[in-house]
Amino acid sequence: MLLWIKQFNLAIFFLFFLIYAYQYIYVLVRFFKKMPELSAEKLHKYAVVIAARNENLVIGGLIDSIKAQNYPAELVDIYVVADNCTDDTAKIAREHGANFVLERFNKQKVGKGYALNYVFDYIKNTCGIRNYEGYMVFDADNLLDENYVSEINKVFDKGYRVVTSYRNSKNFGSNWISAGYGLWYIRESKYLNGARMICNTSCAISGTGFLVSSEIIEKDDGWKYSLLTEDIEFTVDKVIEGEVIGYCEKAVVYDEQPVTFGVSWKQRMRWTKGFYQVIYNYGAGLIKGMFRKNGFKCYDMFSTIAPASILTVASIFMNCGAFLYGALTGKSLIAAISLLEVWSAFRNIYISLLFFGTITVITEWKNIYCSSPKKILYLFTFPVFMFTYMPIAIAALFKNVTWEPIRHTFADRERIPLARHSRVIQ
């Protein structure tokens, strides 16, 4: 029994390393290769699409940052869908200059995916999907660097039909929870999507701040993705189809992160359940795709959505089962070994997460907007934040999860360096 426990945990550790070793190579890629310098031959015409649910405190700031872009205003139209709102989101969107404000009320089909499809259906029936060459999708709590559109236009102009951007945080320094989100997104942007772009493989959409060609929206007849994580669903489906998603590091979007554990738990529960939904619906397609021309792209996306949570849950169940067996049968050595194996696993994961966090904090120091002591402190709490996904991963297996809006309140754009600003949150 003791030998079996050790062999099982060794196998889990080996699988983790085997599956995710390539992400260490991604770090080396970013150190030794630079992002390509791009220029655009054409200024393309875009529509910005914003799905908002009771976002009266932040929607105005986003629209203001869009209208302040260093890009011809006549080439950017703003569409806002106030989705099942009970506040004055629609009114404020109109006051701040959104070109089109739609109000949608549907209590059966609830979620961002349905709201996006509502907007695209409206555009299709009025001016036509091809009236715009591309569609940028943002959440209402976002703020854009003033060069966002001009920079992402350069990547789009090179033929990428889907482009994601550098995701930063409006409130990184609020506490260890917001910092945990923020550090993960910065690391994802630079050391996952950035490396993927350099290696000419496909990047991944991360919730908000992305551009989609009108060709794809027309082909899909709108937005057909409505699982709990519609961004990952979209990414996986496009990768299976052979689409190469691009990345623009100079297009920076800031968003607001939760600051209470209760809100964070609810949000990440939805995400985790959504990942399980994507695995169930698209996992077979990704596995088949691994043995085709776009094999590594499918492997990369499969490792992103599946193995970590599956292996973690398996490890927890097995070791807890061994501990209970040892405790209930009086075999204290088995119980003790099980606890030591769990501790060893946590230690190894903590070191790995600390490595990625340290590399990110050092190289992106100037892009993390909080005081230096907080940057250092939250580096060490980052693995702890990631550990809290473990109970979420287990609970999401059994819990019925529905889409619920997250209230956003962080509206002070003067505390974000939108190209013109340089003050740091203290």
Protein backbone atom coordinates (compact mmCIF):
# COMPACT_ATOMS: atom_id res chain seq x y z
CA MET A 1 0.00 0.00 0.00
CA LEU A 2 2.80 2.45 0.91
CA LEU A 3 4.63 1.70 -2.31
CA TRP A 4 1.41 2.15 -4.29
CA ILE A 5 0.80 5.60 -2.75
CA LYS A 6 4.32 6.72 -3.61
CA GLN A 7 4.12 5.36 -7.15
CA PHE A 8 0.76 7.02 -7.72
CA ASN A 9 2.00 10.44 -6.63
CA LEU A 10 5.20 10.04 -8.62
CA ALA A 11 3.11 9.28 -11.70
CA ILE A 12 0.96 12.38 -11.12
CA PHE A 13 4.08 14.54 -10.73
CA PHE A 14 5.60 13.04 -13.89
CA LEU A 15 2.41 13.66 -15.87
CA PHE A 16 2.26 17.28 -14.69
CA PHE A 17 5.84 17.83 -15.79
CA LEU A 18 5.37 16.00 -19.09
CA ILE A 19 2.23 17.93 -19.98
CA TYR A 20 3.39 21.42 -18.93
CA ALA A 21 7.16 21.35 -19.56
CA TYR A 22 6.60 23.26 -22.80
CA GLN A 23 5.47 26.30 -20.78
CA TYR A 24 8.98 26.56 -19.34
CA ILE A 25 10.22 26.60 -22.91
CA TYR A 26 7.76 29.43 -23.57
CA VAL A 27 9.57 31.45 -20.87
CA LEU A 28 12.88 30.89 -22.65
CA VAL A 29 11.29 31.93 -25.95
CA ARG A 30 10.30 35.29 -24.44
CA PHE A 31 13.81 35.81 -23.10
CA PHE A 32 15.64 35.08 -26.33
CA LYS A 33 13.19 36.23 -29.00
CA LYS A 34 11.44 39.56 -29.39
CA MET A 35 7.90 40.20 -30.51
CA PRO A 36 7.77 41.10 -34.21
CA GLU A 37 7.49 44.80 -35.04
CA LEU A 38 4.41 45.28 -37.20
CA SER A 39 2.92 48.09 -39.22
CA ALA A 40 -0.44 48.41 -40.95
CA GLU A 41 -1.03 49.19 -44.60
CA LYS A 42 -4.69 49.97 -44.00
CA LEU A 43 -6.84 51.48 -41.27
CA HIS A 44 -9.72 49.03 -40.98
CA LYS A 45 -13.26 49.80 -39.92
CA TYR A 46 -14.39 48.28 -36.62
CA ALA A 47 -17.36 47.96 -34.34
CA VAL A 48 -16.84 47.73 -30.61
CA VAL A 49 -19.35 45.40 -28.91
CA ILE A 50 -20.01 45.70 -25.17
CA ALA A 51 -22.38 43.46 -23.22
CA ALA A 52 -23.32 45.17 -19.94
CA ARG A 53 -25.48 44.04 -17.03
CA ASN A 54 -26.09 46.80 -14.42
CA GLU A 55 -22.76 48.50 -15.12
CA ASN A 56 -23.75 52.14 -14.64
CA LEU A 57 -20.66 52.83 -12.49
CA VAL A 58 -18.08 51.79 -15.10
CA ILE A 59 -19.63 51.82 -18.59
CA GLY A 60 -18.96 55.53 -19.07
CA GLY A 61 -15.23 55.15 -18.43
CA LEU A 62 -14.90 52.42 -21.05
CA ILE A 63 -16.73 54.42 -23.69
CA ASP A 64 -14.60 57.48 -22.89
CA SER A 65 -11.41 55.44 -23.34
CA ILE A 66 -12.68 54.14 -26.70
CA LYS A 67 -13.51 57.62 -27.92
CA ALA A 68 -10.05 58.83 -26.82
CA GLN A 69 -8.25 56.38 -29.13
CA ASN A 70 -5.45 57.50 -31.46
CA TYR A 71 -7.45 56.14 -34.37
CA PRO A 72 -9.94 57.82 -36.73
CA ALA A 73 -13.23 58.08 -34.84
CA GLU A 74 -15.25 57.54 -38.01
CA LEU A 75 -13.76 54.05 -38.27
CA VAL A 76 -14.93 52.90 -34.84
CA ASP A 77 -18.61 52.50 -33.92
CA ILE A 78 -19.64 51.56 -30.38
CA TYR A 79 -22.49 49.12 -29.73
CA VAL A 80 -23.71 48.59 -26.17
CA VAL A 81 -26.30 46.00 -25.23
CA ALA A 82 -27.80 46.71 -21.80
CA ASP A 83 -28.65 43.12 -20.96
CA ASN A 84 -31.47 42.63 -18.43
CA CYS A 85 -30.47 45.86 -16.70
CA THR A 86 -32.37 47.33 -13.77
CA ASP A 87 -30.20 50.46 -13.53
CA ASP A 88 -29.40 53.32 -15.94
CA THR A 89 -26.60 51.59 -17.85
CA ALA A 90 -28.30 52.33 -21.19
CA LYS A 91 -28.82 56.00 -20.32
CA ILE A 92 -25.21 56.50 -19.29
CA ALA A 93 -23.95 54.71 -22.40
CA ARG A 94 -25.93 57.13 -24.56
CA GLU A 95 -24.70 60.14 -22.57
CA HIS A 96 -21.07 59.10 -23.09
CA GLY A 97 -21.51 58.79 -26.84
CA ALA A 98 -22.12 55.15 -27.70
CA ASN A 99 -23.32 55.05 -31.30
CA PHE A 100 -25.92 52.34 -30.72
CA VAL A 101 -27.45 51.32 -27.40
CA LEU A 102 -29.68 48.26 -27.37
CA GLU A 103 -31.76 47.04 -24.46
CA ARG A 104 -32.35 43.31 -24.13
CA PHE A 105 -34.69 41.55 -21.72
CA ASN A 106 -34.63 37.77 -21.68
CA LYS A 107 -34.71 35.84 -18.40
CA GLN A 108 -34.37 32.44 -20.03
CA LYS A 109 -31.22 32.97 -22.11
CA VAL A 110 -28.93 34.69 -19.63
CA GLY A 111 -25.25 35.34 -20.15
CA LYS A 112 -22.70 37.25 -22.18
CA GLY A 113 -22.84 34.86 -25.12
CA TYR A 114 -26.56 35.46 -25.67
CA ALA A 115 -26.09 39.22 -25.34
CA LEU A 116 -23.31 39.23 -27.94
CA ASN A 117 -25.44 37.24 -30.36
CA TYR A 118 -28.26 39.76 -29.84
CA VAL A 119 -25.96 42.58 -30.97
CA PHE A 120 -24.67 40.69 -33.99
CA ASP A 121 -28.22 39.80 -35.00
CA TYR A 122 -29.13 43.49 -34.81
CA ILE A 123 -26.15 44.48 -36.96
CA LYS A 124 -26.92 41.74 -39.46
CA ASN A 125 -30.50 42.97 -39.87
CA THR A 126 -29.64 46.66 -40.10
CA CYS A 127 -26.35 47.40 -41.86
CA GLY A 128 -25.03 43.87 -42.40
CA ILE A 129 -22.16 42.05 -40.68
CA ARG A 130 -19.70 43.03 -43.44
CA ASN A 131 -20.35 46.72 -42.82
CA TYR A 132 -17.41 46.34 -40.43
CA GLU A 133 -14.21 44.46 -41.10
CA GLY A 134 -13.81 43.38 -37.49
CA TYR A 135 -15.51 43.40 -34.10
CA MET A 136 -13.79 44.19 -30.80
CA VAL A 137 -15.38 42.67 -27.72
CA PHE A 138 -14.99 44.23 -24.27
CA ASP A 139 -16.58 43.92 -20.85
CA ALA A 140 -18.13 47.04 -19.37
CA ASP A 141 -15.51 47.36 -16.62
CA ASN A 142 -12.63 47.60 -19.12
CA LEU A 143 -10.46 50.60 -19.90
CA LEU A 144 -8.27 50.84 -23.00
CA ASP A 145 -4.83 52.27 -23.51
CA GLU A 146 -5.22 55.12 -25.99
CA ASN A 147 -3.21 53.21 -28.64
CA TYR A 148 -5.22 50.01 -28.28
CA VAL A 149 -7.10 50.16 -31.59
CA SER A 150 -4.13 51.40 -33.65
CA GLU A 151 -1.92 48.62 -32.28
CA ILE A 152 -4.36 45.73 -32.64
CA ASN A 153 -5.13 46.98 -36.15
CA LYS A 154 -1.50 46.20 -37.08
CA VAL A 155 -1.90 42.52 -36.19
CA PHE A 156 -5.32 42.28 -37.81
CA ASP A 157 -3.87 43.85 -40.95
CA LYS A 158 -1.37 40.98 -41.21
CA GLY A 159 -4.18 38.51 -41.79
CA TYR A 160 -5.04 37.25 -38.31
CA ARG A 161 -8.80 36.87 -38.18
CA VAL A 162 -8.86 36.67 -34.38
CA VAL A 163 -6.56 38.75 -32.18
CA THR A 164 -6.29 38.93 -28.41
CA SER A 165 -4.50 41.57 -26.36
CA TYR A 166 -2.41 42.26 -23.24
CA ARG A 167 -4.72 42.00 -20.23
CA ASN A 168 -3.77 44.12 -17.23
CA SER A 169 -5.58 45.05 -14.02
CA LYS A 170 -7.26 48.25 -12.89
CA ASN A 171 -6.98 47.32 -9.22
CA PHE A 172 -3.99 44.99 -8.91
CA GLY A 173 -2.98 46.43 -5.55
CA SER A 174 -6.36 46.19 -3.81
CA ASN A 175 -5.51 42.94 -2.01
CA TRP A 176 -4.09 39.43 -2.52
CA ILE A 177 -7.20 38.32 -4.40
CA SER A 178 -7.17 41.04 -7.07
CA ALA A 179 -3.39 40.64 -7.30
CA GLY A 180 -3.77 36.89 -7.85
CA TYR A 181 -6.01 37.50 -10.84
CA GLY A 182 -3.85 40.33 -12.14
CA LEU A 183 -0.57 38.42 -11.98
CA TRP A 184 -2.09 35.41 -13.70
CA TYR A 185 -3.43 37.56 -16.58
CA ILE A 186 -0.12 39.38 -17.05
CA ARG A 187 1.75 36.07 -17.03
CA GLU A 188 -0.77 34.59 -19.46
CA SER A 189 -0.39 37.55 -21.80
CA LYS A 190 3.40 37.69 -21.88
CA TYR A 191 4.54 34.12 -21.28
CA LEU A 192 1.74 32.16 -22.91
CA ASN A 193 0.15 34.23 -25.67
CA GLY A 194 3.32 36.20 -26.33
CA ALA A 195 5.39 33.04 -26.73
CA ARG A 196 2.67 31.45 -28.85
CA MET A 197 2.72 34.43 -31.18
CA ILE A 198 6.49 34.24 -31.58
CA CYS A 199 6.29 30.49 -32.21
CA ASN A 200 3.53 30.94 -34.81
CA THR A 201 1.09 28.76 -32.91
CA SER A 202 -2.39 29.76 -31.78
CA CYS A 203 -3.06 32.06 -28.82
CA ALA A 204 -6.08 31.88 -26.50
CA ILE A 205 -8.84 34.39 -25.81
CA SER A 206 -8.94 35.39 -22.15
CA GLY A 207 -12.39 36.71 -21.38
CA THR A 208 -12.21 40.20 -22.79
CA GLY A 209 -10.21 42.46 -25.07
CA PHE A 210 -10.22 40.61 -28.39
CA LEU A 211 -10.94 41.23 -32.07
CA VAL A 212 -12.87 38.95 -34.41
CA SER A 213 -13.09 39.28 -38.18
CA SER A 214 -16.50 39.90 -39.71
CA GLU A 215 -15.81 36.86 -41.89
CA ILE A 216 -15.94 34.60 -38.84
CA ILE A 217 -19.03 36.27 -37.38
CA GLU A 218 -20.78 35.93 -40.74
CA LYS A 219 -19.71 32.30 -41.14
CA ASP A 220 -20.94 31.46 -37.62
CA ASP A 221 -24.14 33.45 -38.19
CA GLY A 222 -23.49 35.58 -35.12
CA TRP A 223 -22.10 34.46 -31.78
CA LYS A 224 -22.92 30.80 -31.24
CA TYR A 225 -21.01 30.31 -27.98
CA SER A 226 -23.08 30.29 -24.80
CA LEU A 227 -21.38 27.94 -22.34
CA LEU A 228 -20.35 29.37 -18.95
CA THR A 229 -16.92 30.24 -20.40
CA GLU A 230 -17.85 31.42 -23.86
CA ASP A 231 -14.33 32.81 -24.46
CA ILE A 232 -12.64 29.43 -23.99
CA GLU A 233 -15.41 27.73 -25.97
CA PHE A 234 -14.80 30.15 -28.85
CA THR A 235 -11.02 29.65 -28.64
CA VAL A 236 -11.19 25.85 -28.62
CA ASP A 237 -13.71 25.68 -31.45
CA LYS A 238 -11.59 27.95 -33.64
CA VAL A 239 -8.39 26.04 -32.92
CA ILE A 240 -10.13 22.78 -33.85
CA GLU A 241 -11.19 24.44 -37.10
CA GLY A 242 -7.56 25.38 -37.78
CA GLU A 243 -7.79 29.09 -37.01
CA VAL A 244 -4.59 30.72 -35.73
CA ILE A 245 -5.41 33.31 -33.06
CA GLY A 246 -2.97 36.22 -32.94
CA TYR A 247 -1.78 38.37 -30.06
CA CYS A 248 -0.99 42.07 -29.81
CA GLU A 249 1.19 42.91 -26.82
CA LYS A 250 0.97 46.67 -27.35
CA ALA A 251 -2.82 46.66 -27.24
CA VAL A 252 -3.43 46.93 -23.49
CA VAL A 253 -6.79 46.46 -21.81
CA TYR A 254 -7.37 46.98 -18.09
CA ASP A 255 -10.16 45.29 -16.18
CA GLU A 256 -11.43 45.11 -12.63
CA GLN A 257 -10.76 42.07 -10.44
CA PRO A 258 -12.86 40.87 -7.47
CA VAL A 259 -11.60 41.85 -4.03
CA THR A 260 -13.71 39.56 -1.81
CA PHE A 261 -13.29 35.81 -1.62
CA GLY A 262 -17.03 35.21 -1.87
CA VAL A 263 -17.33 37.02 -5.20
CA SER A 264 -14.11 35.42 -6.43
CA TRP A 265 -15.34 31.96 -5.48
CA LYS A 266 -18.60 32.48 -7.36
CA GLN A 267 -16.84 33.78 -10.45
CA ARG A 268 -14.20 31.06 -10.58
CA MET A 269 -16.81 28.40 -9.87
CA ARG A 270 -18.56 29.51 -13.07
CA TRP A 271 -15.27 29.45 -14.97
CA THR A 272 -14.32 26.00 -13.70
CA LYS A 273 -17.75 24.59 -14.51
CA GLY A 274 -17.42 26.20 -17.92
CA PHE A 275 -14.07 24.48 -18.44
CA TYR A 276 -15.72 21.15 -17.66
CA GLN A 277 -18.46 21.98 -20.17
CA VAL A 278 -15.85 22.77 -22.83
CA ILE A 279 -13.98 19.53 -22.10
CA TYR A 280 -17.23 17.57 -22.43
CA ASN A 281 -18.30 19.26 -25.66
CA TYR A 282 -14.94 19.79 -27.41
CA GLY A 283 -12.45 17.46 -25.72
CA ALA A 284 -12.80 14.72 -28.32
CA GLY A 285 -12.29 17.27 -31.11
CA LEU A 286 -9.08 18.52 -29.49
CA ILE A 287 -7.75 14.99 -29.03
CA LYS A 288 -8.46 14.14 -32.66
CA GLY A 289 -6.86 17.42 -33.71
CA MET A 290 -3.62 16.48 -31.93
CA PHE A 291 -2.98 13.91 -34.65
CA ARG A 292 -3.58 16.30 -37.53
CA LYS A 293 -1.77 19.25 -39.07
CA ASN A 294 -2.57 21.62 -36.20
CA GLY A 295 -1.63 19.03 -33.59
CA PHE A 296 0.41 21.19 -31.21
CA LYS A 297 -2.23 23.94 -31.21
CA CYS A 298 -4.84 21.41 -30.10
CA TYR A 299 -2.47 19.93 -27.53
CA ASP A 300 -1.75 23.39 -26.11
CA MET A 301 -5.45 24.19 -25.77
CA PHE A 302 -6.25 20.75 -24.31
CA SER A 303 -3.56 21.16 -21.65
CA THR A 304 -4.96 24.62 -20.90
CA ILE A 305 -8.50 23.43 -20.16
CA ALA A 306 -8.16 19.85 -18.92
CA PRO A 307 -5.17 18.09 -17.31
CA ALA A 308 -4.34 20.41 -14.39
CA SER A 309 -7.80 20.25 -12.85
CA ILE A 310 -8.29 16.56 -13.65
CA LEU A 311 -4.91 15.49 -12.24
CA THR A 312 -5.32 17.72 -9.17
CA VAL A 313 -8.75 16.33 -8.36
CA ALA A 314 -7.49 12.75 -8.87
CA SER A 315 -4.52 13.37 -6.59
CA ILE A 316 -6.66 14.91 -3.85
CA PHE A 317 -9.21 12.08 -3.92
CA MET A 318 -6.59 9.34 -3.93
CA ASN A 319 -4.45 10.77 -1.15
CA CYS A 320 -7.42 11.69 1.03
CA GLY A 321 -8.79 8.21 0.48
CA ALA A 322 -5.48 6.68 1.53
CA PHE A 323 -5.34 8.93 4.59
CA LEU A 324 -8.86 7.96 5.67
CA TYR A 325 -8.09 4.30 5.10
CA GLY A 326 -4.99 4.53 7.26
CA ALA A 327 -6.74 6.54 9.98
CA LEU A 328 -9.82 4.27 10.16
CA THR A 329 -7.87 1.00 10.12
CA GLY A 330 -5.24 2.11 12.60
CA LYS A 331 -2.46 2.02 10.00
CA SER A 332 -0.92 5.30 11.06
CA LEU A 333 2.10 4.96 8.77
CA ILE A 334 -0.16 4.93 5.70
CA ALA A 335 -2.03 8.00 6.98
CA ALA A 336 1.26 9.79 7.71
CA ILE A 337 2.76 8.95 4.31
CA SER A 338 -0.41 10.21 2.59
CA LEU A 339 -0.14 13.53 4.42
CA LEU A 340 3.53 13.82 3.52
CA GLU A 341 2.76 13.13 -0.13
CA VAL A 342 0.08 15.83 -0.13
CA TRP A 343 2.52 18.25 1.49
CA SER A 344 5.16 17.38 -1.09
CA ALA A 345 2.71 17.98 -3.93
CA PHE A 346 1.68 21.36 -2.52
CA ARG A 347 5.32 22.33 -2.05
CA ASN A 348 6.24 21.44 -5.65
CA ILE A 349 3.25 23.28 -7.08
CA TYR A 350 3.97 26.32 -4.88
CA ILE A 351 7.58 26.45 -6.13
CA SER A 352 6.46 26.12 -9.74
CA LEU A 353 3.86 28.89 -9.41
CA LEU A 354 6.35 31.06 -7.53
CA PHE A 355 8.81 30.60 -10.40
CA PHE A 356 6.33 31.80 -13.01
CA GLY A 357 5.17 34.60 -10.73
CA THR A 358 8.72 35.78 -10.02
CA ILE A 359 9.68 35.84 -13.69
CA THR A 360 6.52 37.80 -14.46
CA VAL A 361 6.93 40.34 -11.65
CA ILE A 362 10.60 40.98 -12.51
CA THR A 363 10.11 41.40 -16.24
CA GLU A 364 6.75 43.22 -16.04
CA TRP A 365 7.57 45.31 -12.98
CA LYS A 366 6.76 48.63 -14.64
CA ASN A 367 3.41 47.29 -15.87
CA ILE A 368 2.19 46.24 -12.43
CA TYR A 369 0.49 49.29 -10.97
CA CYS A 370 0.86 49.17 -7.22
CA SER A 371 3.59 49.98 -4.70
CA SER A 372 6.84 47.97 -4.68
CA PRO A 373 6.19 46.32 -1.28
CA LYS A 374 2.80 45.11 -2.53
CA LYS A 375 4.35 43.69 -5.69
CA ILE A 376 6.72 41.61 -3.59
CA LEU A 377 4.10 40.58 -1.02
CA TYR A 378 1.55 39.52 -3.59
CA LEU A 379 4.16 37.50 -5.45
CA PHE A 380 4.25 35.11 -2.48
CA THR A 381 0.46 35.03 -2.08
CA PHE A 382 -0.02 34.30 -5.78
CA PRO A 383 0.47 30.51 -5.37
CA VAL A 384 -1.94 30.57 -2.42
CA PHE A 385 -4.55 32.24 -4.63
CA MET A 386 -4.03 29.55 -7.26
CA PHE A 387 -4.34 26.81 -4.60
CA THR A 388 -7.88 28.00 -3.88
CA TYR A 389 -8.84 26.60 -7.29
CA MET A 390 -8.51 23.10 -5.84
CA PRO A 391 -11.70 23.09 -3.73
CA ILE A 392 -13.42 24.99 -6.54
CA ALA A 393 -12.42 22.28 -9.03
CA ILE A 394 -13.97 19.63 -6.79
CA ALA A 395 -17.13 21.57 -5.94
CA ALA A 396 -17.74 22.41 -9.60
CA LEU A 397 -17.96 18.70 -10.41
CA PHE A 398 -21.13 18.36 -8.35
CA LYS A 399 -22.65 21.83 -8.16
CA ASN A 400 -25.19 23.19 -10.61
CA VAL A 401 -23.73 26.52 -11.69
CA THR A 402 -25.56 29.30 -13.53
CA TRP A 403 -24.33 32.57 -14.97
CA GLU A 404 -24.53 35.46 -12.51
CA PRO A 405 -23.27 39.03 -13.06
CA ILE A 406 -20.29 40.39 -11.10
CA ARG A 407 -20.79 43.92 -9.82
CA HIS A 408 -18.04 46.36 -10.85
CA THR A 409 -17.35 49.60 -8.98
CA PHE A 410 -13.74 50.59 -9.69
CA ALA A 411 -14.25 53.65 -11.90
CA ASP A 412 -11.24 55.88 -11.10
CA ARG A 413 -9.47 55.96 -14.48
CA GLU A 414 -6.96 58.51 -13.19
CA ARG A 415 -5.30 55.67 -11.27
CA ILE A 416 -4.61 53.74 -14.47
CA PRO A 417 -1.74 54.78 -16.78
CA LEU A 418 -3.70 54.92 -20.02
CA ALA A 419 -0.59 56.08 -21.93
CA ARG A 420 -1.02 59.62 -20.65
CA HIS A 421 -0.99 58.68 -16.96
CA SER A 422 1.96 57.41 -14.93
CA ARG A 423 0.82 57.58 -11.32
CA VAL A 424 1.09 54.41 -9.29
CA ILE A 425 -1.46 53.08 -6.85
CA GLN A 426 0.01 53.24 -3.38
